[in-house]
Amino acid sequence: MNLLMVIFGLIAIFAAIGTVQAFKERNILSIIFNLAAFVVIGAFVVLTIVFQGYPPTLH
């Protein structure tokens, strides 16, 4: 789970970067998809780290 959170965290960061670039290019479809990916995957990463801890503990 540790590596998965790192990979998903990188995806969320790249989605945020893509959103900024899409705003510069004024590409509406790209803004929508990048923002959606950032929100969904970023929320998943944050909530997983909050509830599981980092590194995750096995109960």
PDB file of N, CA and C in Angstrom:
ATOM      1  N   MET A   1       0.819  -1.197   0.000  1.00  0.00           N
ATOM      2  CA  MET A   1       0.000   0.000   0.000  1.00  0.00           C
ATOM      3  C   MET A   1       0.860   1.258   0.000  1.00  0.00           C
ATOM      4  N   ASN A   2       2.076   1.160   0.541  1.00  0.00           N
ATOM      5  CA  ASN A   2       2.943   2.337   0.566  1.00  0.00           C
ATOM      6  C   ASN A   2       3.252   2.819  -0.846  1.00  0.00           C
ATOM      7  N   LEU A   3       3.662   1.889  -1.699  1.00  0.00           N
ATOM      8  CA  LEU A   3       4.034   2.251  -3.065  1.00  0.00           C
ATOM      9  C   LEU A   3       2.823   2.750  -3.847  1.00  0.00           C
ATOM     10  N   LEU A   4       1.673   2.165  -3.594  1.00  0.00           N
ATOM     11  CA  LEU A   4       0.454   2.585  -4.289  1.00  0.00           C
ATOM     12  C   LEU A   4       0.094   4.032  -3.950  1.00  0.00           C
ATOM     13  N   MET A   5       0.260   4.415  -2.691  1.00  0.00           N
ATOM     14  CA  MET A   5      -0.031   5.800  -2.297  1.00  0.00           C
ATOM     15  C   MET A   5       0.969   6.769  -2.940  1.00  0.00           C
ATOM     16  N   VAL A   6       2.208   6.354  -3.071  1.00  0.00           N
ATOM     17  CA  VAL A   6       3.203   7.204  -3.724  1.00  0.00           C
ATOM     18  C   VAL A   6       2.852   7.387  -5.199  1.00  0.00           C
ATOM     19  N   ILE A   7       2.480   6.300  -5.855  1.00  0.00           N
ATOM     20  CA  ILE A   7       2.129   6.370  -7.277  1.00  0.00           C
ATOM     21  C   ILE A   7       0.880   7.233  -7.473  1.00  0.00           C
ATOM     22  N   PHE A   8      -0.153   7.002  -6.659  1.00  0.00           N
ATOM     23  CA  PHE A   8      -1.374   7.806  -6.772  1.00  0.00           C
ATOM     24  C   PHE A   8      -1.109   9.269  -6.424  1.00  0.00           C
ATOM     25  N   GLY A   9      -0.217   9.506  -5.472  1.00  0.00           N
ATOM     26  CA  GLY A   9       0.156  10.880  -5.136  1.00  0.00           C
ATOM     27  C   GLY A   9       0.818  11.576  -6.314  1.00  0.00           C
ATOM     28  N   LEU A  10       1.696  10.865  -7.017  1.00  0.00           N
ATOM     29  CA  LEU A  10       2.333  11.439  -8.211  1.00  0.00           C
ATOM     30  C   LEU A  10       1.306  11.721  -9.303  1.00  0.00           C
ATOM     31  N   ILE A  11       0.354  10.825  -9.466  1.00  0.00           N
ATOM     32  CA  ILE A  11      -0.697  11.050 -10.462  1.00  0.00           C
ATOM     33  C   ILE A  11      -1.489  12.306 -10.118  1.00  0.00           C
ATOM     34  N   ALA A  12      -1.803  12.490  -8.833  1.00  0.00           N
ATOM     35  CA  ALA A  12      -2.544  13.687  -8.411  1.00  0.00           C
ATOM     36  C   ALA A  12      -1.726  14.947  -8.660  1.00  0.00           C
ATOM     37  N   ILE A  13      -0.428  14.887  -8.397  1.00  0.00           N
ATOM     38  CA  ILE A  13       0.439  16.048  -8.649  1.00  0.00           C
ATOM     39  C   ILE A  13       0.495  16.368 -10.135  1.00  0.00           C
ATOM     40  N   PHE A  14       0.637  15.335 -10.964  1.00  0.00           N
ATOM     41  CA  PHE A  14       0.669  15.561 -12.412  1.00  0.00           C
ATOM     42  C   PHE A  14      -0.666  16.080 -12.925  1.00  0.00           C
ATOM     43  N   ALA A  15      -1.771  15.647 -12.334  1.00  0.00           N
ATOM     44  CA  ALA A  15      -3.084  16.165 -12.725  1.00  0.00           C
ATOM     45  C   ALA A  15      -3.202  17.644 -12.363  1.00  0.00           C
ATOM     46  N   ALA A  16      -2.645  18.037 -11.216  1.00  0.00           N
ATOM     47  CA  ALA A  16      -2.662  19.457 -10.834  1.00  0.00           C
ATOM     48  C   ALA A  16      -1.822  20.282 -11.807  1.00  0.00           C
ATOM     49  N   ILE A  17      -0.667  19.768 -12.179  1.00  0.00           N
ATOM     50  CA  ILE A  17       0.187  20.464 -13.154  1.00  0.00           C
ATOM     51  C   ILE A  17      -0.524  20.559 -14.498  1.00  0.00           C
ATOM     52  N   GLY A  18      -1.183  19.471 -14.897  1.00  0.00           N
ATOM     53  CA  GLY A  18      -1.931  19.475 -16.154  1.00  0.00           C
ATOM     54  C   GLY A  18      -3.082  20.460 -16.140  1.00  0.00           C
ATOM     55  N   THR A  19      -3.701  20.630 -14.987  1.00  0.00           N
ATOM     56  CA  THR A  19      -4.791  21.603 -14.871  1.00  0.00           C
ATOM     57  C   THR A  19      -4.273  23.019 -15.087  1.00  0.00           C
ATOM     58  N   VAL A  20      -3.137  23.330 -14.501  1.00  0.00           N
ATOM     59  CA  VAL A  20      -2.548  24.666 -14.677  1.00  0.00           C
ATOM     60  C   VAL A  20      -2.194  24.900 -16.142  1.00  0.00           C
ATOM     61  N   GLN A  21      -1.594  23.896 -16.785  1.00  0.00           N
ATOM     62  CA  GLN A  21      -1.242  24.044 -18.200  1.00  0.00           C
ATOM     63  C   GLN A  21      -2.488  24.174 -19.068  1.00  0.00           C
ATOM     64  N   ALA A  22      -3.550  23.453 -18.707  1.00  0.00           N
ATOM     65  CA  ALA A  22      -4.800  23.542 -19.471  1.00  0.00           C
ATOM     66  C   ALA A  22      -5.414  24.931 -19.351  1.00  0.00           C
ATOM     67  N   PHE A  23      -5.306  25.546 -18.162  1.00  0.00           N
ATOM     68  CA  PHE A  23      -5.796  26.916 -18.020  1.00  0.00           C
ATOM     69  C   PHE A  23      -4.998  27.868 -18.901  1.00  0.00           C
ATOM     70  N   LYS A  24      -3.694  27.655 -19.006  1.00  0.00           N
ATOM     71  CA  LYS A  24      -2.862  28.517 -19.861  1.00  0.00           C
ATOM     72  C   LYS A  24      -3.249  28.375 -21.326  1.00  0.00           C
ATOM     73  N   GLU A  25      -3.587  27.133 -21.734  1.00  0.00           N
ATOM     74  CA  GLU A  25      -3.952  26.888 -23.127  1.00  0.00           C
ATOM     75  C   GLU A  25      -5.441  27.102 -23.394  1.00  0.00           C
ATOM     76  N   ARG A  26      -6.221  27.334 -22.339  1.00  0.00           N
ATOM     77  CA  ARG A  26      -7.673  27.535 -22.417  1.00  0.00           C
ATOM     78  C   ARG A  26      -8.370  26.352 -23.083  1.00  0.00           C
ATOM     79  N   ASN A  27      -7.997  25.160 -22.635  1.00  0.00           N
ATOM     80  CA  ASN A  27      -8.581  23.931 -23.142  1.00  0.00           C
ATOM     81  C   ASN A  27      -9.588  23.421 -22.103  1.00  0.00           C
ATOM     82  N   ILE A  28     -10.864  23.622 -22.383  1.00  0.00           N
ATOM     83  CA  ILE A  28     -11.923  23.348 -21.411  1.00  0.00           C
ATOM     84  C   ILE A  28     -12.015  21.862 -21.064  1.00  0.00           C
ATOM     85  N   LEU A  29     -11.963  20.978 -22.054  1.00  0.00           N
ATOM     86  CA  LEU A  29     -12.085  19.547 -21.805  1.00  0.00           C
ATOM     87  C   LEU A  29     -10.919  19.039 -20.956  1.00  0.00           C
ATOM     88  N   SER A  30      -9.742  19.533 -21.235  1.00  0.00           N
ATOM     89  CA  SER A  30      -8.568  19.153 -20.453  1.00  0.00           C
ATOM     90  C   SER A  30      -8.662  19.657 -19.012  1.00  0.00           C
ATOM     91  N   ILE A  31      -9.205  20.844 -18.846  1.00  0.00           N
ATOM     92  CA  ILE A  31      -9.393  21.376 -17.490  1.00  0.00           C
ATOM     93  C   ILE A  31     -10.339  20.474 -16.704  1.00  0.00           C
ATOM     94  N   ILE A  32     -11.428  20.072 -17.327  1.00  0.00           N
ATOM     95  CA  ILE A  32     -12.424  19.244 -16.645  1.00  0.00           C
ATOM     96  C   ILE A  32     -11.826  17.904 -16.226  1.00  0.00           C
ATOM     97  N   PHE A  33     -11.166  17.211 -17.156  1.00  0.00           N
ATOM     98  CA  PHE A  33     -10.641  15.891 -16.841  1.00  0.00           C
ATOM     99  C   PHE A  33      -9.472  15.945 -15.866  1.00  0.00           C
ATOM    100  N   ASN A  34      -8.593  16.923 -16.027  1.00  0.00           N
ATOM    101  CA  ASN A  34      -7.473  17.045 -15.088  1.00  0.00           C
ATOM    102  C   ASN A  34      -7.959  17.402 -13.693  1.00  0.00           C
ATOM    103  N   LEU A  35      -8.913  18.294 -13.605  1.00  0.00           N
ATOM    104  CA  LEU A  35      -9.441  18.690 -12.297  1.00  0.00           C
ATOM    105  C   LEU A  35     -10.175  17.527 -11.630  1.00  0.00           C
ATOM    106  N   ALA A  36     -10.940  16.775 -12.421  1.00  0.00           N
ATOM    107  CA  ALA A  36     -11.638  15.607 -11.873  1.00  0.00           C
ATOM    108  C   ALA A  36     -10.645  14.557 -11.376  1.00  0.00           C
ATOM    109  N   ALA A  37      -9.594  14.301 -12.146  1.00  0.00           N
ATOM    110  CA  ALA A  37      -8.578  13.330 -11.728  1.00  0.00           C
ATOM    111  C   ALA A  37      -7.872  13.802 -10.468  1.00  0.00           C
ATOM    112  N   PHE A  38      -7.562  15.081 -10.409  1.00  0.00           N
ATOM    113  CA  PHE A  38      -6.886  15.624  -9.226  1.00  0.00           C
ATOM    114  C   PHE A  38      -7.754  15.492  -7.980  1.00  0.00           C
ATOM    115  N   VAL A  39      -9.027  15.834  -8.100  1.00  0.00           N
ATOM    116  CA  VAL A  39      -9.919  15.793  -6.937  1.00  0.00           C
ATOM    117  C   VAL A  39     -10.140  14.362  -6.470  1.00  0.00           C
ATOM    118  N   VAL A  40     -10.451  13.462  -7.383  1.00  0.00           N
ATOM    119  CA  VAL A  40     -10.782  12.093  -6.996  1.00  0.00           C
ATOM    120  C   VAL A  40      -9.558  11.358  -6.466  1.00  0.00           C
ATOM    121  N   ILE A  41      -8.476  11.369  -7.204  1.00  0.00           N
ATOM    122  CA  ILE A  41      -7.287  10.621  -6.787  1.00  0.00           C
ATOM    123  C   ILE A  41      -6.615  11.297  -5.600  1.00  0.00           C
ATOM    124  N   GLY A  42      -6.592  12.623  -5.588  1.00  0.00           N
ATOM    125  CA  GLY A  42      -6.007  13.335  -4.454  1.00  0.00           C
ATOM    126  C   GLY A  42      -6.774  13.081  -3.171  1.00  0.00           C
ATOM    127  N   ALA A  43      -8.101  13.075  -3.247  1.00  0.00           N
ATOM    128  CA  ALA A  43      -8.906  12.785  -2.063  1.00  0.00           C
ATOM    129  C   ALA A  43      -8.680  11.359  -1.592  1.00  0.00           C
ATOM    130  N   PHE A  44      -8.559  10.428  -2.534  1.00  0.00           N
ATOM    131  CA  PHE A  44      -8.288   9.034  -2.180  1.00  0.00           C
ATOM    132  C   PHE A  44      -6.960   8.906  -1.443  1.00  0.00           C
ATOM    133  N   VAL A  45      -5.941   9.581  -1.941  1.00  0.00           N
ATOM    134  CA  VAL A  45      -4.621   9.517  -1.296  1.00  0.00           C
ATOM    135  C   VAL A  45      -4.671  10.124   0.101  1.00  0.00           C
ATOM    136  N   VAL A  46      -5.252  11.300   0.219  1.00  0.00           N
ATOM    137  CA  VAL A  46      -5.290  11.979   1.514  1.00  0.00           C
ATOM    138  C   VAL A  46      -6.092  11.170   2.531  1.00  0.00           C
ATOM    139  N   LEU A  47      -7.262  10.691   2.137  1.00  0.00           N
ATOM    140  CA  LEU A  47      -8.088   9.944   3.070  1.00  0.00           C
ATOM    141  C   LEU A  47      -7.458   8.603   3.439  1.00  0.00           C
ATOM    142  N   THR A  48      -6.785   7.959   2.506  1.00  0.00           N
ATOM    143  CA  THR A  48      -6.105   6.707   2.825  1.00  0.00           C
ATOM    144  C   THR A  48      -4.984   6.942   3.818  1.00  0.00           C
ATOM    145  N   ILE A  49      -4.215   7.992   3.629  1.00  0.00           N
ATOM    146  CA  ILE A  49      -3.126   8.297   4.555  1.00  0.00           C
ATOM    147  C   ILE A  49      -3.682   8.697   5.919  1.00  0.00           C
ATOM    148  N   VAL A  50      -4.783   9.432   5.954  1.00  0.00           N
ATOM    149  CA  VAL A  50      -5.365   9.851   7.232  1.00  0.00           C
ATOM    150  C   VAL A  50      -5.888   8.649   8.013  1.00  0.00           C
ATOM    151  N   PHE A  51      -6.617   7.765   7.350  1.00  0.00           N
ATOM    152  CA  PHE A  51      -7.250   6.667   8.060  1.00  0.00           C
ATOM    153  C   PHE A  51      -6.328   5.468   8.261  1.00  0.00           C
ATOM    154  N   GLN A  52      -5.375   5.235   7.356  1.00  0.00           N
ATOM    155  CA  GLN A  52      -4.452   4.104   7.490  1.00  0.00           C
ATOM    156  C   GLN A  52      -3.149   4.494   8.152  1.00  0.00           C
ATOM    157  N   GLY A  53      -2.792   5.761   8.069  1.00  0.00           N
ATOM    158  CA  GLY A  53      -1.497   6.199   8.559  1.00  0.00           C
ATOM    159  C   GLY A  53      -0.437   5.963   7.491  1.00  0.00           C
ATOM    160  N   TYR A  54       0.696   6.590   7.671  1.00  0.00           N
ATOM    161  CA  TYR A  54       1.788   6.342   6.735  1.00  0.00           C
ATOM    162  C   TYR A  54       3.034   6.058   7.525  1.00  0.00           C
ATOM    163  N   PRO A  55       3.633   4.929   7.460  1.00  0.00           N
ATOM    164  CA  PRO A  55       3.213   3.759   6.665  1.00  0.00           C
ATOM    165  C   PRO A  55       1.980   3.118   7.275  1.00  0.00           C
ATOM    166  N   PRO A  56       1.166   2.450   6.426  1.00  0.00           N
ATOM    167  CA  PRO A  56      -0.090   1.885   6.916  1.00  0.00           C
ATOM    168  C   PRO A  56       0.160   0.784   7.951  1.00  0.00           C
ATOM    169  N   THR A  57      -0.721   0.713   8.916  1.00  0.00           N
ATOM    170  CA  THR A  57      -0.614  -0.323   9.933  1.00  0.00           C
ATOM    171  C   THR A  57      -1.631  -1.407   9.658  1.00  0.00           C
ATOM    172  N   LEU A  58      -1.273  -2.620   9.977  1.00  0.00           N
ATOM    173  CA  LEU A  58      -2.194  -3.741   9.800  1.00  0.00           C
ATOM    174  C   LEU A  58      -2.895  -3.998  11.125  1.00  0.00           C
ATOM    175  N   HIS A  59      -4.200  -4.085  11.099  1.00  0.00           N
ATOM    176  CA  HIS A  59      -4.969  -4.309  12.324  1.00  0.00           C
ATOM    177  C   HIS A  59      -5.447  -5.732  12.370  1.00  0.00           C
TER     178      HIS A  59
END
